[in-house]
């Protein structure tokens, strides 16, 4: 006699079909050549919509950081995008009985799409700058290419005497390249420079 764990998918389907047509537990067990307990378990699982088509579960040990841990890790990253893997590991291990390694945190970050990237350089704009730029765009949004040809723009180049970018790295998703927390503000002539028109 076979146990429910040893039954194939075809045998389980036969049990469900035979029982659904009104066959008794004993008749079904004799028809499929399995135990009565196996018939009861398979048919009950089908009634509860929890029947499993695969006989084996997932292989390997369960993940040290589950879905809830991933949500917590994402919150830690968004709170401090410049945090290193070691700092994030220390935050994840605070107040928990089960600690995780920095390698596990690193793998989880990569699986979540939070890769280490360079900051995007952009001018530091105040609220007044943003408002004026929006007004300018709205004022001239209907201009044609002929009207824009009549406007002369001067070009300028800046040569830095001292680089002050600092090379900060942050964690962000691919779609967060323009997020305010992922942009490094810079000021004109920061650290000394020469402007050439």
C-alpha atoms as a PDB file:
ATOM      1  CA  UNK A   1       0.000   0.000   0.000  1.00  0.00           C
ATOM      2  CA  UNK A   2       1.275   3.437  -0.923  1.00  0.00           C
ATOM      3  CA  UNK A   3       1.203   6.504   1.306  1.00  0.00           C
ATOM      4  CA  UNK A   4      -0.188   9.825   0.119  1.00  0.00           C
ATOM      5  CA  UNK A   5       3.344  11.260  -0.084  1.00  0.00           C
ATOM      6  CA  UNK A   6       4.366   8.453  -2.501  1.00  0.00           C
ATOM      7  CA  UNK A   7       1.425   8.814  -4.866  1.00  0.00           C
ATOM      8  CA  UNK A   8       1.966  10.237  -8.336  1.00  0.00           C
ATOM      9  CA  UNK A   9      -0.132  13.065  -9.748  1.00  0.00           C
ATOM     10  CA  UNK A  10      -2.020  10.557 -11.919  1.00  0.00           C
ATOM     11  CA  UNK A  11      -2.920   8.431  -8.898  1.00  0.00           C
ATOM     12  CA  UNK A  12      -4.099  11.489  -6.995  1.00  0.00           C
ATOM     13  CA  UNK A  13      -6.298  12.462  -9.947  1.00  0.00           C
ATOM     14  CA  UNK A  14      -7.713   8.922 -10.012  1.00  0.00           C
ATOM     15  CA  UNK A  15      -8.561   9.140  -6.298  1.00  0.00           C
ATOM     16  CA  UNK A  16     -10.293  12.490  -6.720  1.00  0.00           C
ATOM     17  CA  UNK A  17     -12.227  11.299  -9.799  1.00  0.00           C
ATOM     18  CA  UNK A  18     -13.305   8.001  -8.228  1.00  0.00           C
ATOM     19  CA  UNK A  19     -14.425   9.677  -4.983  1.00  0.00           C
ATOM     20  CA  UNK A  20     -16.216  12.481  -6.859  1.00  0.00           C
ATOM     21  CA  UNK A  21     -18.278   9.868  -8.747  1.00  0.00           C
ATOM     22  CA  UNK A  22     -19.486   8.440  -5.442  1.00  0.00           C
ATOM     23  CA  UNK A  23     -16.986   5.669  -4.815  1.00  0.00           C
ATOM     24  CA  UNK A  24     -16.378   4.740  -1.197  1.00  0.00           C
ATOM     25  CA  UNK A  25     -13.018   5.099   0.545  1.00  0.00           C
ATOM     26  CA  UNK A  26     -12.405   1.339   0.515  1.00  0.00           C
ATOM     27  CA  UNK A  27     -13.372   0.966  -3.168  1.00  0.00           C
ATOM     28  CA  UNK A  28     -11.096   3.878  -4.112  1.00  0.00           C
ATOM     29  CA  UNK A  29      -8.195   2.426  -2.091  1.00  0.00           C
ATOM     30  CA  UNK A  30      -8.596  -0.960  -3.833  1.00  0.00           C
ATOM     31  CA  UNK A  31      -8.920   0.689  -7.271  1.00  0.00           C
ATOM     32  CA  UNK A  32      -5.755   2.814  -6.909  1.00  0.00           C
ATOM     33  CA  UNK A  33      -3.924   0.212  -4.736  1.00  0.00           C
ATOM     34  CA  UNK A  34      -3.175   2.547  -1.849  1.00  0.00           C
ATOM     35  CA  UNK A  35      -4.124   2.873   1.799  1.00  0.00           C
ATOM     36  CA  UNK A  36      -7.460   4.223   3.022  1.00  0.00           C
ATOM     37  CA  UNK A  37      -5.612   6.978   4.888  1.00  0.00           C
ATOM     38  CA  UNK A  38      -3.977   8.114   1.645  1.00  0.00           C
ATOM     39  CA  UNK A  39      -7.385   8.331  -0.038  1.00  0.00           C
ATOM     40  CA  UNK A  40      -8.794  10.408   2.819  1.00  0.00           C
ATOM     41  CA  UNK A  41      -5.818  12.806   2.860  1.00  0.00           C
ATOM     42  CA  UNK A  42      -5.726  13.358  -0.907  1.00  0.00           C
ATOM     43  CA  UNK A  43      -9.477  13.899  -1.221  1.00  0.00           C
ATOM     44  CA  UNK A  44      -9.573  16.224   1.816  1.00  0.00           C
ATOM     45  CA  UNK A  45      -6.679  18.262   0.406  1.00  0.00           C
ATOM     46  CA  UNK A  46      -8.523  18.582  -2.903  1.00  0.00           C
ATOM     47  CA  UNK A  47     -11.704  19.685  -1.124  1.00  0.00           C
ATOM     48  CA  UNK A  48      -9.743  22.335   0.791  1.00  0.00           C
ATOM     49  CA  UNK A  49      -8.044  23.448  -2.476  1.00  0.00           C
ATOM     50  CA  UNK A  50      -4.614  22.782  -0.987  1.00  0.00           C
ATOM     51  CA  UNK A  51      -3.619  19.787  -3.067  1.00  0.00           C
ATOM     52  CA  UNK A  52      -0.032  19.947  -4.211  1.00  0.00           C
ATOM     53  CA  UNK A  53       0.874  18.890  -7.751  1.00  0.00           C
ATOM     54  CA  UNK A  54       4.569  18.703  -6.957  1.00  0.00           C
ATOM     55  CA  UNK A  55       5.763  15.891  -4.739  1.00  0.00           C
ATOM     56  CA  UNK A  56       8.880  17.711  -3.571  1.00  0.00           C
ATOM     57  CA  UNK A  57       9.111  21.132  -2.034  1.00  0.00           C
ATOM     58  CA  UNK A  58      11.823  23.698  -2.564  1.00  0.00           C
ATOM     59  CA  UNK A  59      15.398  22.560  -2.053  1.00  0.00           C
ATOM     60  CA  UNK A  60      17.932  24.088   0.289  1.00  0.00           C
ATOM     61  CA  UNK A  61      17.708  25.971   3.528  1.00  0.00           C
ATOM     62  CA  UNK A  62      15.138  28.761   3.925  1.00  0.00           C
ATOM     63  CA  UNK A  63      16.349  32.300   3.378  1.00  0.00           C
ATOM     64  CA  UNK A  64      17.778  34.069   6.404  1.00  0.00           C
ATOM     65  CA  UNK A  65      16.006  37.293   5.341  1.00  0.00           C
ATOM     66  CA  UNK A  66      12.351  36.611   4.515  1.00  0.00           C
ATOM     67  CA  UNK A  67       9.814  38.988   2.901  1.00  0.00           C
ATOM     68  CA  UNK A  68       9.329  40.890   6.138  1.00  0.00           C
ATOM     69  CA  UNK A  69      13.103  41.243   6.523  1.00  0.00           C
ATOM     70  CA  UNK A  70      13.365  42.529   2.947  1.00  0.00           C
ATOM     71  CA  UNK A  71      10.780  45.216   3.689  1.00  0.00           C
ATOM     72  CA  UNK A  72      12.744  46.218   6.793  1.00  0.00           C
ATOM     73  CA  UNK A  73      15.996  46.313   4.806  1.00  0.00           C
ATOM     74  CA  UNK A  74      14.355  48.504   2.144  1.00  0.00           C
ATOM     75  CA  UNK A  75      13.222  50.935   4.870  1.00  0.00           C
ATOM     76  CA  UNK A  76      16.790  51.058   6.261  1.00  0.00           C
ATOM     77  CA  UNK A  77      18.165  51.833   2.795  1.00  0.00           C
ATOM     78  CA  UNK A  78      15.615  54.580   2.167  1.00  0.00           C
ATOM     79  CA  UNK A  79      16.348  56.128   5.562  1.00  0.00           C
ATOM     80  CA  UNK A  80      20.089  56.327   4.815  1.00  0.00           C
ATOM     81  CA  UNK A  81      20.995  55.679   1.181  1.00  0.00           C
ATOM     82  CA  UNK A  82      24.710  56.221   1.847  1.00  0.00           C
ATOM     83  CA  UNK A  83      24.900  53.437   4.436  1.00  0.00           C
ATOM     84  CA  UNK A  84      27.441  50.701   3.758  1.00  0.00           C
ATOM     85  CA  UNK A  85      26.668  46.986   3.833  1.00  0.00           C
ATOM     86  CA  UNK A  86      28.258  46.704   7.281  1.00  0.00           C
ATOM     87  CA  UNK A  87      26.077  49.528   8.631  1.00  0.00           C
ATOM     88  CA  UNK A  88      22.943  47.964   7.131  1.00  0.00           C
ATOM     89  CA  UNK A  89      23.914  44.600   8.632  1.00  0.00           C
ATOM     90  CA  UNK A  90      24.293  46.198  12.069  1.00  0.00           C
ATOM     91  CA  UNK A  91      20.838  47.795  11.720  1.00  0.00           C
ATOM     92  CA  UNK A  92      19.284  44.486  10.647  1.00  0.00           C
ATOM     93  CA  UNK A  93      20.835  42.669  13.642  1.00  0.00           C
ATOM     94  CA  UNK A  94      19.583  45.227  16.207  1.00  0.00           C
ATOM     95  CA  UNK A  95      16.853  43.829  18.430  1.00  0.00           C
ATOM     96  CA  UNK A  96      16.727  40.407  16.759  1.00  0.00           C
ATOM     97  CA  UNK A  97      17.640  37.008  18.151  1.00  0.00           C
ATOM     98  CA  UNK A  98      18.747  35.686  14.761  1.00  0.00           C
ATOM     99  CA  UNK A  99      21.664  37.604  13.258  1.00  0.00           C
ATOM    100  CA  UNK A 100      22.554  37.735   9.569  1.00  0.00           C
ATOM    101  CA  UNK A 101      25.955  38.162   7.945  1.00  0.00           C
ATOM    102  CA  UNK A 102      27.035  41.029   5.724  1.00  0.00           C
ATOM    103  CA  UNK A 103      27.271  38.582   2.799  1.00  0.00           C
ATOM    104  CA  UNK A 104      23.605  37.677   3.255  1.00  0.00           C
ATOM    105  CA  UNK A 105      22.638  41.363   3.350  1.00  0.00           C
ATOM    106  CA  UNK A 106      24.720  42.017   0.215  1.00  0.00           C
ATOM    107  CA  UNK A 107      23.033  39.144  -1.676  1.00  0.00           C
ATOM    108  CA  UNK A 108      19.597  40.318  -0.544  1.00  0.00           C
ATOM    109  CA  UNK A 109      20.302  43.887  -1.697  1.00  0.00           C
ATOM    110  CA  UNK A 110      21.327  42.630  -5.130  1.00  0.00           C
ATOM    111  CA  UNK A 111      18.251  40.392  -5.363  1.00  0.00           C
ATOM    112  CA  UNK A 112      16.039  43.391  -4.489  1.00  0.00           C
ATOM    113  CA  UNK A 113      17.718  45.499  -7.194  1.00  0.00           C
ATOM    114  CA  UNK A 114      19.368  47.906  -4.739  1.00  0.00           C
ATOM    115  CA  UNK A 115      22.817  48.161  -6.306  1.00  0.00           C
ATOM    116  CA  UNK A 116      25.574  50.537  -5.284  1.00  0.00           C
ATOM    117  CA  UNK A 117      25.777  53.406  -7.775  1.00  0.00           C
ATOM    118  CA  UNK A 118      27.414  56.778  -8.178  1.00  0.00           C
ATOM    119  CA  UNK A 119      25.419  59.874  -7.241  1.00  0.00           C
ATOM    120  CA  UNK A 120      23.898  61.927 -10.056  1.00  0.00           C
ATOM    121  CA  UNK A 121      25.357  65.437 -10.276  1.00  0.00           C
ATOM    122  CA  UNK A 122      22.830  68.234 -10.693  1.00  0.00           C
ATOM    123  CA  UNK A 123      22.721  71.957  -9.883  1.00  0.00           C
ATOM    124  CA  UNK A 124      21.465  72.841  -6.412  1.00  0.00           C
ATOM    125  CA  UNK A 125      18.096  74.452  -7.016  1.00  0.00           C
ATOM    126  CA  UNK A 126      16.054  76.337  -4.460  1.00  0.00           C
ATOM    127  CA  UNK A 127      12.264  76.545  -4.496  1.00  0.00           C
ATOM    128  CA  UNK A 128      12.550  79.940  -6.254  1.00  0.00           C
ATOM    129  CA  UNK A 129      14.752  78.419  -8.989  1.00  0.00           C
ATOM    130  CA  UNK A 130      12.275  75.606  -9.593  1.00  0.00           C
ATOM    131  CA  UNK A 131       9.343  78.016  -9.753  1.00  0.00           C
ATOM    132  CA  UNK A 132      11.120  80.320 -12.232  1.00  0.00           C
ATOM    133  CA  UNK A 133      12.161  77.408 -14.430  1.00  0.00           C
ATOM    134  CA  UNK A 134       8.588  76.135 -14.501  1.00  0.00           C
ATOM    135  CA  UNK A 135       7.289  79.613 -15.403  1.00  0.00           C
ATOM    136  CA  UNK A 136       9.873  79.876 -18.205  1.00  0.00           C
ATOM    137  CA  UNK A 137       8.891  76.466 -19.600  1.00  0.00           C
ATOM    138  CA  UNK A 138       5.196  77.332 -19.528  1.00  0.00           C
ATOM    139  CA  UNK A 139       5.789  80.736 -21.126  1.00  0.00           C
ATOM    140  CA  UNK A 140       7.730  79.380 -24.120  1.00  0.00           C
ATOM    141  CA  UNK A 141       6.284  75.885 -24.515  1.00  0.00           C
ATOM    142  CA  UNK A 142       4.350  76.860 -27.683  1.00  0.00           C
ATOM    143  CA  UNK A 143       7.312  78.445 -29.481  1.00  0.00           C
ATOM    144  CA  UNK A 144       8.199  77.032 -32.897  1.00  0.00           C
ATOM    145  CA  UNK A 145      11.687  76.072 -34.051  1.00  0.00           C
ATOM    146  CA  UNK A 146      11.797  79.269 -36.159  1.00  0.00           C
ATOM    147  CA  UNK A 147      11.275  81.448 -33.096  1.00  0.00           C
ATOM    148  CA  UNK A 148      13.956  79.555 -31.147  1.00  0.00           C
ATOM    149  CA  UNK A 149      16.495  80.099 -33.987  1.00  0.00           C
ATOM    150  CA  UNK A 150      16.301  83.845 -33.405  1.00  0.00           C
ATOM    151  CA  UNK A 151      17.493  83.446 -29.796  1.00  0.00           C
ATOM    152  CA  UNK A 152      21.241  83.384 -29.204  1.00  0.00           C
ATOM    153  CA  UNK A 153      22.592  81.201 -26.391  1.00  0.00           C
ATOM    154  CA  UNK A 154      26.120  81.621 -25.097  1.00  0.00           C
ATOM    155  CA  UNK A 155      28.098  78.490 -24.325  1.00  0.00           C
ATOM    156  CA  UNK A 156      30.413  78.219 -21.354  1.00  0.00           C
ATOM    157  CA  UNK A 157      32.873  75.687 -20.005  1.00  0.00           C
ATOM    158  CA  UNK A 158      34.138  75.204 -16.477  1.00  0.00           C
ATOM    159  CA  UNK A 159      37.552  73.783 -15.652  1.00  0.00           C
ATOM    160  CA  UNK A 160      37.841  72.556 -12.079  1.00  0.00           C
ATOM    161  CA  UNK A 161      41.043  73.409 -10.225  1.00  0.00           C
ATOM    162  CA  UNK A 162      40.232  71.004  -7.365  1.00  0.00           C
ATOM    163  CA  UNK A 163      37.819  68.078  -7.661  1.00  0.00           C
ATOM    164  CA  UNK A 164      35.462  67.932  -4.710  1.00  0.00           C
ATOM    165  CA  UNK A 165      32.996  65.247  -5.775  1.00  0.00           C
ATOM    166  CA  UNK A 166      34.008  62.887  -2.928  1.00  0.00           C
ATOM    167  CA  UNK A 167      32.753  59.817  -4.826  1.00  0.00           C
ATOM    168  CA  UNK A 168      29.798  59.006  -2.596  1.00  0.00           C
ATOM    169  CA  UNK A 169      27.965  55.795  -3.423  1.00  0.00           C
ATOM    170  CA  UNK A 170      24.315  55.085  -2.638  1.00  0.00           C
ATOM    171  CA  UNK A 171      21.801  52.252  -2.875  1.00  0.00           C
ATOM    172  CA  UNK A 172      18.943  52.768  -5.283  1.00  0.00           C
ATOM    173  CA  UNK A 173      16.711  50.933  -7.700  1.00  0.00           C
ATOM    174  CA  UNK A 174      16.981  51.454 -11.443  1.00  0.00           C
ATOM    175  CA  UNK A 175      13.867  53.641 -11.526  1.00  0.00           C
ATOM    176  CA  UNK A 176      15.121  55.958  -8.752  1.00  0.00           C
ATOM    177  CA  UNK A 177      17.893  57.730 -10.696  1.00  0.00           C
ATOM    178  CA  UNK A 178      16.158  61.131 -10.371  1.00  0.00           C
ATOM    179  CA  UNK A 179      14.980  60.698  -6.784  1.00  0.00           C
ATOM    180  CA  UNK A 180      16.034  63.712  -4.628  1.00  0.00           C
ATOM    181  CA  UNK A 181      17.813  61.429  -2.159  1.00  0.00           C
ATOM    182  CA  UNK A 182      20.003  59.998  -4.947  1.00  0.00           C
ATOM    183  CA  UNK A 183      21.292  63.336  -6.311  1.00  0.00           C
ATOM    184  CA  UNK A 184      24.465  65.034  -5.113  1.00  0.00           C
ATOM    185  CA  UNK A 185      24.048  68.798  -5.120  1.00  0.00           C
ATOM    186  CA  UNK A 186      26.885  70.879  -6.450  1.00  0.00           C
ATOM    187  CA  UNK A 187      27.474  74.627  -6.415  1.00  0.00           C
ATOM    188  CA  UNK A 188      28.962  76.723  -9.157  1.00  0.00           C
ATOM    189  CA  UNK A 189      32.761  77.037  -8.872  1.00  0.00           C
ATOM    190  CA  UNK A 190      32.835  74.590  -5.983  1.00  0.00           C
ATOM    191  CA  UNK A 191      36.418  74.204  -4.773  1.00  0.00           C
ATOM    192  CA  UNK A 192      37.720  76.762  -7.261  1.00  0.00           C
ATOM    193  CA  UNK A 193      37.349  76.748 -11.035  1.00  0.00           C
ATOM    194  CA  UNK A 194      37.846  78.821 -14.187  1.00  0.00           C
ATOM    195  CA  UNK A 195      34.852  79.742 -16.340  1.00  0.00           C
ATOM    196  CA  UNK A 196      35.539  80.195 -20.089  1.00  0.00           C
ATOM    197  CA  UNK A 197      32.951  81.658 -22.461  1.00  0.00           C
END
